[in-house]
C-alpha atoms as a PDB file:
ATOM      1  CA  MET A   1     -29.617 -26.333  93.777  1.00  0.00           C
ATOM      2  CA  ASN A   2     -29.712 -27.419  90.134  1.00  0.00           C
ATOM      3  CA  ILE A   3     -30.277 -23.832  88.999  1.00  0.00           C
ATOM      4  CA  SER A   4     -27.292 -22.664  91.003  1.00  0.00           C
ATOM      5  CA  MET A   5     -25.088 -25.438  89.677  1.00  0.00           C
ATOM      6  CA  ASP A   6     -26.239 -24.777  86.115  1.00  0.00           C
ATOM      7  CA  GLY A   7     -25.391 -21.087  86.553  1.00  0.00           C
ATOM      8  CA  ALA A   8     -21.957 -21.893  87.965  1.00  0.00           C
ATOM      9  CA  SER A   9     -21.343 -24.368  85.133  1.00  0.00           C
ATOM     10  CA  ALA A  10     -22.271 -21.740  82.539  1.00  0.00           C
ATOM     11  CA  ARG A  11     -19.906 -19.222  84.127  1.00  0.00           C
ATOM     12  CA  ASN A  12     -17.105 -21.789  84.143  1.00  0.00           C
ATOM     13  CA  ARG A  13     -17.647 -22.529  80.455  1.00  0.00           C
ATOM     14  CA  ILE A  14     -17.371 -18.810  79.713  1.00  0.00           C
ATOM     15  CA  PHE A  15     -14.159 -18.445  81.742  1.00  0.00           C
ATOM     16  CA  GLU A  16     -12.663 -21.460  79.955  1.00  0.00           C
ATOM     17  CA  ARG A  17     -13.052 -19.630  76.634  1.00  0.00           C
ATOM     18  CA  PHE A  18     -11.953 -16.204  77.836  1.00  0.00           C
ATOM     19  CA  ASN A  19      -8.494 -14.844  78.486  1.00  0.00           C
ATOM     20  CA  CYS A  20      -7.434 -11.268  79.199  1.00  0.00           C
ATOM     21  CA  GLN A  21      -3.882  -9.950  79.046  1.00  0.00           C
ATOM     22  CA  PRO A  22      -2.200  -6.533  79.004  1.00  0.00           C
ATOM     23  CA  VAL A  23      -0.322  -5.300  75.940  1.00  0.00           C
ATOM     24  CA  PRO A  24       2.686  -3.247  77.081  1.00  0.00           C
ATOM     25  CA  ALA A  25       3.125   0.148  75.468  1.00  0.00           C
ATOM     26  CA  ALA A  26       5.780   0.263  72.772  1.00  0.00           C
ATOM     27  CA  ARG A  27       6.264   4.001  73.216  1.00  0.00           C
ATOM     28  CA  VAL A  28       5.399   6.706  75.684  1.00  0.00           C
ATOM     29  CA  VAL A  29       1.963   8.251  75.206  1.00  0.00           C
ATOM     30  CA  PRO A  30       1.392  11.716  76.718  1.00  0.00           C
ATOM     31  CA  ASP A  31      -1.042  11.862  79.638  1.00  0.00           C
ATOM     32  CA  LEU A  32      -3.725  14.500  80.062  1.00  0.00           C
ATOM     33  CA  ALA A  33      -1.378  16.908  81.861  1.00  0.00           C
ATOM     34  CA  GLU A  34       1.172  16.789  79.041  1.00  0.00           C
ATOM     35  CA  ASP A  35      -1.491  17.014  76.344  1.00  0.00           C
ATOM     36  CA  VAL A  36      -2.951  20.112  78.011  1.00  0.00           C
ATOM     37  CA  ARG A  37       0.507  21.715  78.353  1.00  0.00           C
ATOM     38  CA  ARG A  38       1.273  21.114  74.684  1.00  0.00           C
ATOM     39  CA  GLY A  39      -2.199  21.753  73.318  1.00  0.00           C
ATOM     40  CA  PHE A  40      -2.807  24.981  75.215  1.00  0.00           C
ATOM     41  CA  ALA A  41       0.530  26.343  73.993  1.00  0.00           C
ATOM     42  CA  ARG A  42      -0.803  26.212  70.417  1.00  0.00           C
ATOM     43  CA  ARG A  43      -3.179  28.520  68.580  1.00  0.00           C
ATOM     44  CA  PRO A  44      -5.889  27.516  68.258  1.00  0.00           C
ATOM     45  CA  ARG A  45      -5.595  25.511  71.441  1.00  0.00           C
ATOM     46  CA  VAL A  46      -6.054  21.769  70.959  1.00  0.00           C
ATOM     47  CA  LEU A  47      -7.224  18.793  73.037  1.00  0.00           C
ATOM     48  CA  PRO A  48      -7.073  15.149  71.837  1.00  0.00           C
ATOM     49  CA  PRO A  49     -10.540  13.563  71.479  1.00  0.00           C
ATOM     50  CA  LYS A  50      -9.643  10.484  73.556  1.00  0.00           C
ATOM     51  CA  TYR A  51     -10.441  12.448  76.734  1.00  0.00           C
ATOM     52  CA  PHE A  52     -14.121  12.614  75.811  1.00  0.00           C
ATOM     53  CA  TYR A  53     -14.590   9.033  76.936  1.00  0.00           C
ATOM     54  CA  ASP A  54     -14.890   8.917  80.686  1.00  0.00           C
ATOM     55  CA  ALA A  55     -17.929   7.008  82.008  1.00  0.00           C
ATOM     56  CA  TRP A  56     -20.320   9.915  81.379  1.00  0.00           C
ATOM     57  CA  GLY A  57     -18.792  10.741  78.001  1.00  0.00           C
ATOM     58  CA  SER A  58     -19.130   7.119  76.879  1.00  0.00           C
ATOM     59  CA  GLU A  59     -22.788   7.097  77.910  1.00  0.00           C
ATOM     60  CA  LEU A  60     -23.379  10.337  76.038  1.00  0.00           C
ATOM     61  CA  PHE A  61     -21.750   8.948  72.898  1.00  0.00           C
ATOM     62  CA  ASP A  62     -23.986   5.855  73.008  1.00  0.00           C
ATOM     63  CA  ARG A  63     -26.982   8.193  73.136  1.00  0.00           C
ATOM     64  CA  ILE A  64     -25.592  10.297  70.275  1.00  0.00           C
ATOM     65  CA  CYS A  65     -25.446   7.164  68.122  1.00  0.00           C
ATOM     66  CA  ASP A  66     -29.228   6.830  68.498  1.00  0.00           C
ATOM     67  CA  THR A  67     -29.994  10.386  67.340  1.00  0.00           C
ATOM     68  CA  PRO A  68     -31.579  10.800  63.889  1.00  0.00           C
ATOM     69  CA  GLU A  69     -28.691  13.004  62.732  1.00  0.00           C
ATOM     70  CA  TYR A  70     -25.800  10.684  63.618  1.00  0.00           C
ATOM     71  CA  TYR A  71     -25.686   8.326  60.629  1.00  0.00           C
ATOM     72  CA  PRO A  72     -22.129   6.805  60.853  1.00  0.00           C
ATOM     73  CA  THR A  73     -22.715   4.106  63.491  1.00  0.00           C
ATOM     74  CA  ARG A  74     -25.951   2.701  62.085  1.00  0.00           C
ATOM     75  CA  THR A  75     -24.745   3.029  58.471  1.00  0.00           C
ATOM     76  CA  GLU A  76     -21.599   1.049  59.233  1.00  0.00           C
ATOM     77  CA  ALA A  77     -23.571  -1.571  61.171  1.00  0.00           C
ATOM     78  CA  GLN A  78     -26.018  -2.025  58.269  1.00  0.00           C
ATOM     79  CA  LEU A  79     -23.133  -2.252  55.820  1.00  0.00           C
ATOM     80  CA  LEU A  80     -21.427  -4.906  57.945  1.00  0.00           C
ATOM     81  CA  ASP A  81     -24.665  -6.861  58.131  1.00  0.00           C
ATOM     82  CA  GLN A  82     -24.894  -6.829  54.334  1.00  0.00           C
ATOM     83  CA  SER A  83     -21.232  -7.533  53.547  1.00  0.00           C
ATOM     84  CA  ALA A  84     -19.971  -9.719  56.422  1.00  0.00           C
ATOM     85  CA  HIS A  85     -20.341 -12.989  54.523  1.00  0.00           C
ATOM     86  CA  SER A  86     -18.342 -11.680  51.567  1.00  0.00           C
ATOM     87  CA  ILE A  87     -15.652 -10.284  53.886  1.00  0.00           C
ATOM     88  CA  ILE A  88     -15.293 -13.524  55.821  1.00  0.00           C
ATOM     89  CA  ARG A  89     -15.256 -15.712  52.716  1.00  0.00           C
ATOM     90  CA  ARG A  90     -12.444 -13.585  51.283  1.00  0.00           C
ATOM     91  CA  ALA A  91     -10.411 -13.305  54.506  1.00  0.00           C
ATOM     92  CA  GLN A  92     -10.940 -16.885  55.827  1.00  0.00           C
ATOM     93  CA  PRO A  93      -9.559 -15.809  59.232  1.00  0.00           C
ATOM     94  CA  ASP A  94      -8.174 -18.054  61.946  1.00  0.00           C
ATOM     95  CA  HIS A  95      -8.042 -14.967  64.167  1.00  0.00           C
ATOM     96  CA  ILE A  96      -9.942 -11.653  64.172  1.00  0.00           C
ATOM     97  CA  ILE A  97      -7.944  -8.865  65.848  1.00  0.00           C
ATOM     98  CA  GLU A  98      -9.907  -5.672  66.439  1.00  0.00           C
ATOM     99  CA  LEU A  99      -8.174  -2.424  67.382  1.00  0.00           C
ATOM    100  CA  GLY A 100     -10.295  -0.160  69.586  1.00  0.00           C
ATOM    101  CA  SER A 101     -12.981  -2.820  69.928  1.00  0.00           C
ATOM    102  CA  GLY A 102     -15.192  -1.055  72.499  1.00  0.00           C
ATOM    103  CA  THR A 103     -18.420  -3.006  73.042  1.00  0.00           C
ATOM    104  CA  SER A 104     -17.796  -5.193  69.931  1.00  0.00           C
ATOM    105  CA  ARG A 105     -21.415  -4.751  68.847  1.00  0.00           C
ATOM    106  CA  LYS A 106     -20.615  -4.312  65.168  1.00  0.00           C
ATOM    107  CA  THR A 107     -18.063  -7.140  65.231  1.00  0.00           C
ATOM    108  CA  ALA A 108     -20.909  -9.520  66.036  1.00  0.00           C
ATOM    109  CA  HIS A 109     -21.865  -9.382  62.328  1.00  0.00           C
ATOM    110  CA  LEU A 110     -18.453 -10.809  61.396  1.00  0.00           C
ATOM    111  CA  LEU A 111     -18.677 -13.570  64.001  1.00  0.00           C
ATOM    112  CA  GLU A 112     -22.143 -14.555  62.805  1.00  0.00           C
ATOM    113  CA  ALA A 113     -20.789 -14.765  59.258  1.00  0.00           C
ATOM    114  CA  CYS A 114     -17.906 -16.943  60.487  1.00  0.00           C
ATOM    115  CA  GLU A 115     -20.370 -19.350  62.078  1.00  0.00           C
ATOM    116  CA  ALA A 116     -22.538 -19.474  58.950  1.00  0.00           C
ATOM    117  CA  ASN A 117     -19.469 -20.222  56.809  1.00  0.00           C
ATOM    118  CA  GLY A 118     -18.099 -22.989  59.043  1.00  0.00           C
ATOM    119  CA  LEU A 119     -15.226 -20.964  60.516  1.00  0.00           C
ATOM    120  CA  ASP A 120     -14.360 -20.666  64.218  1.00  0.00           C
ATOM    121  CA  PRO A 121     -11.655 -18.009  64.610  1.00  0.00           C
ATOM    122  CA  ASP A 122     -10.408 -16.702  67.920  1.00  0.00           C
ATOM    123  CA  TYR A 123     -11.464 -13.130  68.610  1.00  0.00           C
ATOM    124  CA  TRP A 124      -8.826 -10.692  69.921  1.00  0.00           C
ATOM    125  CA  PRO A 125     -10.488  -7.424  71.035  1.00  0.00           C
ATOM    126  CA  PHE A 126      -7.956  -4.687  71.902  1.00  0.00           C
ATOM    127  CA  ASP A 127      -9.197  -1.833  74.077  1.00  0.00           C
ATOM    128  CA  VAL A 128      -8.149   0.383  76.990  1.00  0.00           C
ATOM    129  CA  CYS A 129     -11.102  -0.538  79.219  1.00  0.00           C
ATOM    130  CA  GLU A 130     -10.907  -3.964  80.891  1.00  0.00           C
ATOM    131  CA  GLU A 131     -14.483  -3.764  82.182  1.00  0.00           C
ATOM    132  CA  VAL A 132     -15.854  -3.229  78.686  1.00  0.00           C
ATOM    133  CA  LEU A 133     -13.752  -6.121  77.363  1.00  0.00           C
ATOM    134  CA  HIS A 134     -15.182  -8.487  80.002  1.00  0.00           C
ATOM    135  CA  THR A 135     -18.774  -7.425  79.343  1.00  0.00           C
ATOM    136  CA  ALA A 136     -18.437  -7.703  75.557  1.00  0.00           C
ATOM    137  CA  ALA A 137     -16.709 -11.093  75.759  1.00  0.00           C
ATOM    138  CA  LYS A 138     -19.401 -12.551  77.996  1.00  0.00           C
ATOM    139  CA  ALA A 139     -22.170 -11.577  75.571  1.00  0.00           C
ATOM    140  CA  LEU A 140     -20.278 -12.901  72.523  1.00  0.00           C
ATOM    141  CA  ILE A 141     -19.348 -16.221  74.146  1.00  0.00           C
ATOM    142  CA  GLU A 142     -22.932 -16.775  75.233  1.00  0.00           C
ATOM    143  CA  ALA A 143     -24.060 -16.134  71.647  1.00  0.00           C
ATOM    144  CA  HIS A 144     -21.374 -18.354  70.053  1.00  0.00           C
ATOM    145  CA  PRO A 145     -20.542 -21.554  71.992  1.00  0.00           C
ATOM    146  CA  TRP A 146     -17.476 -22.171  69.813  1.00  0.00           C
ATOM    147  CA  LEU A 147     -15.902 -18.749  70.350  1.00  0.00           C
ATOM    148  CA  ARG A 148     -12.669 -18.140  72.248  1.00  0.00           C
ATOM    149  CA  VAL A 149     -11.978 -14.531  73.231  1.00  0.00           C
ATOM    150  CA  GLN A 150      -8.368 -13.473  73.818  1.00  0.00           C
ATOM    151  CA  ALA A 151      -8.909  -9.957  75.159  1.00  0.00           C
ATOM    152  CA  LEU A 152      -6.064  -7.430  75.023  1.00  0.00           C
ATOM    153  CA  ILE A 153      -5.880  -4.444  77.378  1.00  0.00           C
ATOM    154  CA  GLY A 154      -3.953  -1.479  76.072  1.00  0.00           C
ATOM    155  CA  ASP A 155      -3.824   1.619  73.914  1.00  0.00           C
ATOM    156  CA  TYR A 156      -3.137   0.969  70.231  1.00  0.00           C
ATOM    157  CA  SER A 157      -1.863   4.536  69.918  1.00  0.00           C
ATOM    158  CA  ALA A 158       1.008   3.476  72.218  1.00  0.00           C
ATOM    159  CA  GLY A 159       2.269   1.146  69.482  1.00  0.00           C
ATOM    160  CA  LEU A 160       1.622  -2.354  68.208  1.00  0.00           C
ATOM    161  CA  ALA A 161       5.086  -3.884  68.668  1.00  0.00           C
ATOM    162  CA  HIS A 162       3.957  -6.015  71.634  1.00  0.00           C
ATOM    163  CA  LEU A 163       0.725  -7.231  70.061  1.00  0.00           C
ATOM    164  CA  PRO A 164       0.535 -11.075  70.200  1.00  0.00           C
ATOM    165  CA  GLN A 165       1.312 -12.801  66.902  1.00  0.00           C
ATOM    166  CA  PRO A 166      -0.844 -15.945  66.693  1.00  0.00           C
ATOM    167  CA  ALA A 167      -0.148 -18.382  63.861  1.00  0.00           C
ATOM    168  CA  GLY A 168      -2.614 -18.615  60.999  1.00  0.00           C
ATOM    169  CA  ARG A 169      -4.530 -16.139  58.850  1.00  0.00           C
ATOM    170  CA  ARG A 170      -5.476 -12.966  60.663  1.00  0.00           C
ATOM    171  CA  LEU A 171      -8.130 -10.378  59.909  1.00  0.00           C
ATOM    172  CA  PHE A 172      -7.224  -7.029  61.478  1.00  0.00           C
ATOM    173  CA  VAL A 173     -10.266  -4.808  62.019  1.00  0.00           C
ATOM    174  CA  PHE A 174     -10.424  -1.028  62.549  1.00  0.00           C
ATOM    175  CA  LEU A 175     -14.002   0.239  62.453  1.00  0.00           C
ATOM    176  CA  GLY A 176     -16.039   3.287  63.395  1.00  0.00           C
ATOM    177  CA  GLY A 177     -14.402   5.763  61.041  1.00  0.00           C
ATOM    178  CA  THR A 178     -11.734   6.267  63.722  1.00  0.00           C
ATOM    179  CA  ILE A 179      -9.082   6.614  61.026  1.00  0.00           C
ATOM    180  CA  GLY A 180     -10.656  10.022  60.380  1.00  0.00           C
ATOM    181  CA  ASN A 181      -9.659  11.284  63.831  1.00  0.00           C
ATOM    182  CA  MET A 182      -6.037  11.153  62.661  1.00  0.00           C
ATOM    183  CA  THR A 183      -4.283  13.620  60.393  1.00  0.00           C
ATOM    184  CA  PRO A 184      -3.126  12.146  57.068  1.00  0.00           C
ATOM    185  CA  ASP A 185       0.434  11.763  58.379  1.00  0.00           C
ATOM    186  CA  GLN A 186      -0.770  10.118  61.596  1.00  0.00           C
ATOM    187  CA  ALA A 187      -3.062   7.775  59.673  1.00  0.00           C
ATOM    188  CA  ILE A 188      -0.348   6.640  57.272  1.00  0.00           C
ATOM    189  CA  ALA A 189       2.078   6.111  60.180  1.00  0.00           C
ATOM    190  CA  PHE A 190      -0.538   4.000  61.976  1.00  0.00           C
ATOM    191  CA  LEU A 191      -1.326   1.976  58.847  1.00  0.00           C
ATOM    192  CA  ASN A 192       2.390   1.466  58.182  1.00  0.00           C
ATOM    193  CA  GLU A 193       2.863   0.153  61.720  1.00  0.00           C
ATOM    194  CA  LEU A 194      -0.023  -2.260  61.264  1.00  0.00           C
ATOM    195  CA  ARG A 195       1.247  -3.313  57.830  1.00  0.00           C
ATOM    196  CA  GLY A 196       4.587  -4.183  59.473  1.00  0.00           C
ATOM    197  CA  LEU A 197       2.813  -6.877  61.530  1.00  0.00           C
ATOM    198  CA  MET A 198       0.971  -8.437  58.617  1.00  0.00           C
ATOM    199  CA  ARG A 199       1.989 -11.625  56.829  1.00  0.00           C
ATOM    200  CA  ALA A 200       0.983 -13.144  53.520  1.00  0.00           C
ATOM    201  CA  GLY A 201      -2.606 -14.358  53.879  1.00  0.00           C
ATOM    202  CA  ASP A 202      -3.582 -11.673  56.405  1.00  0.00           C
ATOM    203  CA  ALA A 203      -6.272  -9.069  55.666  1.00  0.00           C
ATOM    204  CA  PHE A 204      -7.282  -5.679  57.007  1.00  0.00           C
ATOM    205  CA  LEU A 205     -10.842  -4.344  57.269  1.00  0.00           C
ATOM    206  CA  LEU A 206     -11.154  -0.559  57.565  1.00  0.00           C
ATOM    207  CA  GLY A 207     -14.300   1.482  58.173  1.00  0.00           C
ATOM    208  CA  ALA A 208     -14.213   5.091  56.955  1.00  0.00           C
ATOM    209  CA  ASP A 209     -16.750   7.890  56.604  1.00  0.00           C
ATOM    210  CA  ARG A 210     -17.259   9.510  53.208  1.00  0.00           C
ATOM    211  CA  THR A 211     -17.525  13.076  51.956  1.00  0.00           C
ATOM    212  CA  LYS A 212     -21.117  14.233  51.486  1.00  0.00           C
ATOM    213  CA  ASP A 213     -23.382  17.257  51.783  1.00  0.00           C
ATOM    214  CA  PRO A 214     -21.815  19.506  54.456  1.00  0.00           C
ATOM    215  CA  ARG A 215     -25.260  20.065  55.963  1.00  0.00           C
ATOM    216  CA  LEU A 216     -25.570  16.341  56.727  1.00  0.00           C
ATOM    217  CA  LEU A 217     -22.066  16.273  58.174  1.00  0.00           C
ATOM    218  CA  GLU A 218     -22.530  19.300  60.404  1.00  0.00           C
ATOM    219  CA  ALA A 219     -25.914  18.062  61.650  1.00  0.00           C
ATOM    220  CA  ALA A 220     -24.355  14.707  62.603  1.00  0.00           C
ATOM    221  CA  TYR A 221     -21.950  16.526  64.922  1.00  0.00           C
ATOM    222  CA  ASP A 222     -24.472  19.043  66.261  1.00  0.00           C
ATOM    223  CA  ASP A 223     -27.721  17.184  66.966  1.00  0.00           C
ATOM    224  CA  ALA A 224     -30.903  19.073  67.754  1.00  0.00           C
ATOM    225  CA  THR A 225     -31.175  17.615  71.269  1.00  0.00           C
ATOM    226  CA  GLY A 226     -27.770  19.034  72.268  1.00  0.00           C
ATOM    227  CA  LEU A 227     -26.180  15.708  73.207  1.00  0.00           C
ATOM    228  CA  THR A 228     -23.074  16.355  71.111  1.00  0.00           C
ATOM    229  CA  ALA A 229     -22.689  19.789  72.696  1.00  0.00           C
ATOM    230  CA  GLU A 230     -22.823  18.195  76.148  1.00  0.00           C
ATOM    231  CA  PHE A 231     -20.388  15.494  75.014  1.00  0.00           C
ATOM    232  CA  ASN A 232     -17.966  18.129  73.736  1.00  0.00           C
ATOM    233  CA  ARG A 233     -18.138  20.231  76.908  1.00  0.00           C
ATOM    234  CA  ASN A 234     -17.628  17.108  79.043  1.00  0.00           C
ATOM    235  CA  VAL A 235     -13.907  17.160  78.211  1.00  0.00           C
ATOM    236  CA  LEU A 236     -13.681  20.234  80.449  1.00  0.00           C
ATOM    237  CA  ASN A 237     -15.241  18.220  83.300  1.00  0.00           C
ATOM    238  CA  VAL A 238     -12.546  15.591  82.757  1.00  0.00           C
ATOM    239  CA  ILE A 239      -9.822  18.248  82.991  1.00  0.00           C
ATOM    240  CA  ASN A 240     -11.409  19.633  86.166  1.00  0.00           C
ATOM    241  CA  GLN A 241     -11.484  16.201  87.788  1.00  0.00           C
ATOM    242  CA  VAL A 242      -8.018  15.034  86.776  1.00  0.00           C
ATOM    243  CA  LEU A 243      -6.060  18.289  86.898  1.00  0.00           C
ATOM    244  CA  GLY A 244      -7.921  20.172  89.609  1.00  0.00           C
ATOM    245  CA  GLY A 245      -9.318  22.743  87.190  1.00  0.00           C
ATOM    246  CA  ASP A 246     -12.065  25.291  87.582  1.00  0.00           C
ATOM    247  CA  PHE A 247     -13.392  25.347  84.014  1.00  0.00           C
ATOM    248  CA  ASP A 248     -17.042  26.339  83.760  1.00  0.00           C
ATOM    249  CA  PRO A 249     -18.213  24.105  80.869  1.00  0.00           C
ATOM    250  CA  GLN A 250     -21.315  26.248  80.399  1.00  0.00           C
ATOM    251  CA  ALA A 251     -19.061  29.217  79.617  1.00  0.00           C
ATOM    252  CA  PHE A 252     -18.180  27.499  76.307  1.00  0.00           C
ATOM    253  CA  ASP A 253     -20.341  26.945  73.248  1.00  0.00           C
ATOM    254  CA  HIS A 254     -20.172  23.869  71.030  1.00  0.00           C
ATOM    255  CA  LEU A 255     -19.310  24.437  67.372  1.00  0.00           C
ATOM    256  CA  ALA A 256     -19.075  21.870  64.567  1.00  0.00           C
ATOM    257  CA  VAL A 257     -18.007  23.061  61.119  1.00  0.00           C
ATOM    258  CA  TYR A 258     -17.025  21.300  57.914  1.00  0.00           C
ATOM    259  CA  ASN A 259     -13.645  22.394  56.567  1.00  0.00           C
ATOM    260  CA  GLU A 260     -14.101  21.904  52.840  1.00  0.00           C
ATOM    261  CA  ALA A 261     -10.424  22.422  52.007  1.00  0.00           C
ATOM    262  CA  LEU A 262      -9.281  19.673  54.408  1.00  0.00           C
ATOM    263  CA  GLN A 263     -12.430  17.544  53.960  1.00  0.00           C
ATOM    264  CA  ARG A 264     -13.017  17.201  57.670  1.00  0.00           C
ATOM    265  CA  ILE A 265     -15.429  18.092  60.437  1.00  0.00           C
ATOM    266  CA  GLU A 266     -13.834  20.237  63.135  1.00  0.00           C
ATOM    267  CA  MET A 267     -15.358  20.381  66.608  1.00  0.00           C
ATOM    268  CA  TYR A 268     -14.567  23.342  68.820  1.00  0.00           C
ATOM    269  CA  LEU A 269     -15.370  24.738  72.224  1.00  0.00           C
ATOM    270  CA  VAL A 270     -15.807  28.506  71.925  1.00  0.00           C
ATOM    271  CA  ALA A 271     -15.384  30.786  74.947  1.00  0.00           C
ATOM    272  CA  ARG A 272     -18.536  32.851  75.489  1.00  0.00           C
ATOM    273  CA  ARG A 273     -16.649  35.581  77.354  1.00  0.00           C
ATOM    274  CA  ASP A 274     -13.188  36.524  78.581  1.00  0.00           C
ATOM    275  CA  GLN A 275     -12.189  34.196  81.410  1.00  0.00           C
ATOM    276  CA  ASP A 276      -9.252  32.768  83.358  1.00  0.00           C
ATOM    277  CA  VAL A 277      -8.921  29.100  84.273  1.00  0.00           C
ATOM    278  CA  HIS A 278      -6.685  27.665  86.999  1.00  0.00           C
ATOM    279  CA  LEU A 279      -5.329  24.107  86.722  1.00  0.00           C
ATOM    280  CA  MET A 280      -3.892  23.241  90.121  1.00  0.00           C
ATOM    281  CA  ALA A 281      -2.067  20.092  88.986  1.00  0.00           C
ATOM    282  CA  LEU A 282      -0.112  22.168  86.462  1.00  0.00           C
ATOM    283  CA  ASP A 283       0.182  25.218  88.715  1.00  0.00           C
ATOM    284  CA  ARG A 284      -0.893  27.270  85.697  1.00  0.00           C
ATOM    285  CA  ARG A 285      -3.530  29.814  84.801  1.00  0.00           C
ATOM    286  CA  TYR A 286      -4.825  30.080  81.246  1.00  0.00           C
ATOM    287  CA  GLY A 287      -6.673  33.055  79.862  1.00  0.00           C
ATOM    288  CA  PHE A 288      -9.372  32.681  77.215  1.00  0.00           C
ATOM    289  CA  ALA A 289     -10.659  35.635  75.234  1.00  0.00           C
ATOM    290  CA  GLY A 290     -14.311  35.752  74.303  1.00  0.00           C
ATOM    291  CA  GLY A 291     -14.740  33.923  70.980  1.00  0.00           C
ATOM    292  CA  GLU A 292     -11.479  31.958  71.383  1.00  0.00           C
ATOM    293  CA  ARG A 293     -11.677  28.367  70.173  1.00  0.00           C
ATOM    294  CA  ILE A 294     -10.332  25.059  71.480  1.00  0.00           C
ATOM    295  CA  LEU A 295     -10.141  22.362  68.769  1.00  0.00           C
ATOM    296  CA  THR A 296     -11.374  19.147  70.418  1.00  0.00           C
ATOM    297  CA  GLU A 297     -11.789  16.779  67.462  1.00  0.00           C
ATOM    298  CA  ILE A 298     -11.256  16.360  63.757  1.00  0.00           C
ATOM    299  CA  SER A 299     -13.149  13.787  61.733  1.00  0.00           C
ATOM    300  CA  ARG A 300     -11.841  13.463  58.206  1.00  0.00           C
ATOM    301  CA  LYS A 301     -14.165  12.350  55.420  1.00  0.00           C
ATOM    302  CA  PHE A 302     -12.891  10.368  52.456  1.00  0.00           C
ATOM    303  CA  THR A 303     -13.452   9.912  48.774  1.00  0.00           C
ATOM    304  CA  THR A 304     -12.765   6.522  47.217  1.00  0.00           C
ATOM    305  CA  GLU A 305      -9.566   7.987  45.789  1.00  0.00           C
ATOM    306  CA  SER A 306      -8.254   9.522  49.027  1.00  0.00           C
ATOM    307  CA  LEU A 307      -9.022   6.377  51.020  1.00  0.00           C
ATOM    308  CA  THR A 308      -7.278   4.172  48.474  1.00  0.00           C
ATOM    309  CA  ALA A 309      -4.286   6.512  48.379  1.00  0.00           C
ATOM    310  CA  GLU A 310      -3.708   6.317  52.144  1.00  0.00           C
ATOM    311  CA  LEU A 311      -3.940   2.527  52.117  1.00  0.00           C
ATOM    312  CA  ARG A 312      -1.519   2.270  49.201  1.00  0.00           C
ATOM    313  CA  ALA A 313       0.871   4.709  50.918  1.00  0.00           C
ATOM    314  CA  ALA A 314       1.110   2.120  53.704  1.00  0.00           C
ATOM    315  CA  ARG A 315       1.635  -0.755  51.218  1.00  0.00           C
ATOM    316  CA  LEU A 316      -1.904  -2.075  51.618  1.00  0.00           C
ATOM    317  CA  THR A 317      -3.820  -3.087  48.495  1.00  0.00           C
ATOM    318  CA  PRO A 318      -7.633  -2.779  48.533  1.00  0.00           C
ATOM    319  CA  ILE A 319      -9.290  -5.947  47.225  1.00  0.00           C
ATOM    320  CA  SER A 320     -12.957  -5.231  48.053  1.00  0.00           C
ATOM    321  CA  HIS A 321     -14.825  -1.985  48.622  1.00  0.00           C
ATOM    322  CA  TYR A 322     -18.266  -2.130  50.231  1.00  0.00           C
ATOM    323  CA  GLN A 323     -20.538   0.901  50.292  1.00  0.00           C
ATOM    324  CA  PRO A 324     -24.282   1.587  50.593  1.00  0.00           C
ATOM    325  CA  THR A 325     -26.225   2.971  47.652  1.00  0.00           C
ATOM    326  CA  ASP A 326     -25.943   6.523  49.037  1.00  0.00           C
ATOM    327  CA  ARG A 327     -22.141   6.099  49.364  1.00  0.00           C
ATOM    328  CA  HIS A 328     -22.208   7.597  52.848  1.00  0.00           C
ATOM    329  CA  PHE A 329     -19.698   5.107  54.295  1.00  0.00           C
ATOM    330  CA  SER A 330     -17.034   2.644  53.196  1.00  0.00           C
ATOM    331  CA  LEU A 331     -15.741  -0.695  54.360  1.00  0.00           C
ATOM    332  CA  VAL A 332     -12.502  -1.592  52.592  1.00  0.00           C
ATOM    333  CA  LEU A 333     -10.885  -5.013  52.737  1.00  0.00           C
ATOM    334  CA  ALA A 334      -7.176  -4.869  51.950  1.00  0.00           C
ATOM    335  CA  HIS A 335      -4.199  -7.221  51.743  1.00  0.00           C
ATOM    336  CA  PRO A 336      -0.537  -6.415  52.391  1.00  0.00           C
ATOM    337  CA  SER A 337       1.067  -5.450  49.098  1.00  0.00           C
END
């Protein structure tokens, strides 16, 4: 009886420090059907990378992060572990707002630094998946008895106009090198939108991958075990399920190449043979010639200069730049100009 009551009491304490609310979209975001219509009308054909992440795709990505070749996740986590105290002492946040928070594993370094420095900010994770938000919040609240989690359900790509505006100093966080999945114009537009929310005293922490030996970059996106290839092909399974398609994922090869001119990794699916695909939901057939490519992801890599330039273009001034000795990744803390 006491064990049961203790368990119920613990759950109640967690619920008392957890809130979850939707963030309405500020603009219309195309769905998969519209993205396929638009993307398959282009040459090369294009699919947005957000459709990788169904349940199976998310599991595959977690496994990719543990491969020897995929350095970004562990490099960023190590860098956060080393620099979190400096970041928190500079930002002094009353609130930490993380865009695309996912499982919040790396954010735990910032919360631990808050605790060590006598700060108790509210944490505002913003993500599309409510289940992931609940799971992450439970683990963080159990680890930090002082923590209040104000979870936000929504898609940051649908706009930030309806994001809550709590009083006090805010640290906005955008990790994972996700800024690299945007073109330069898209990235500056996103940063400008975020800058429009910021007040004096606020700070922004950005994680970004760096340029390096193309062999290291290409290996990170084409691991020897083939997990990234399976992850890439999984987008065709998503299309089949949602749009009633008859793609044969095994009829496409995975290709990851570094585009030196644009300083970015490009991931493609390459048709192994001539084939026709029927998408019932669109009432369309699409022909693919052998060797034809579908661009499924870009991942831009930055120099110190290019990263600084994009921040300054959005009226954000870098105040601290954290990087490992090999300069494979950057964390940049910036203030509104």
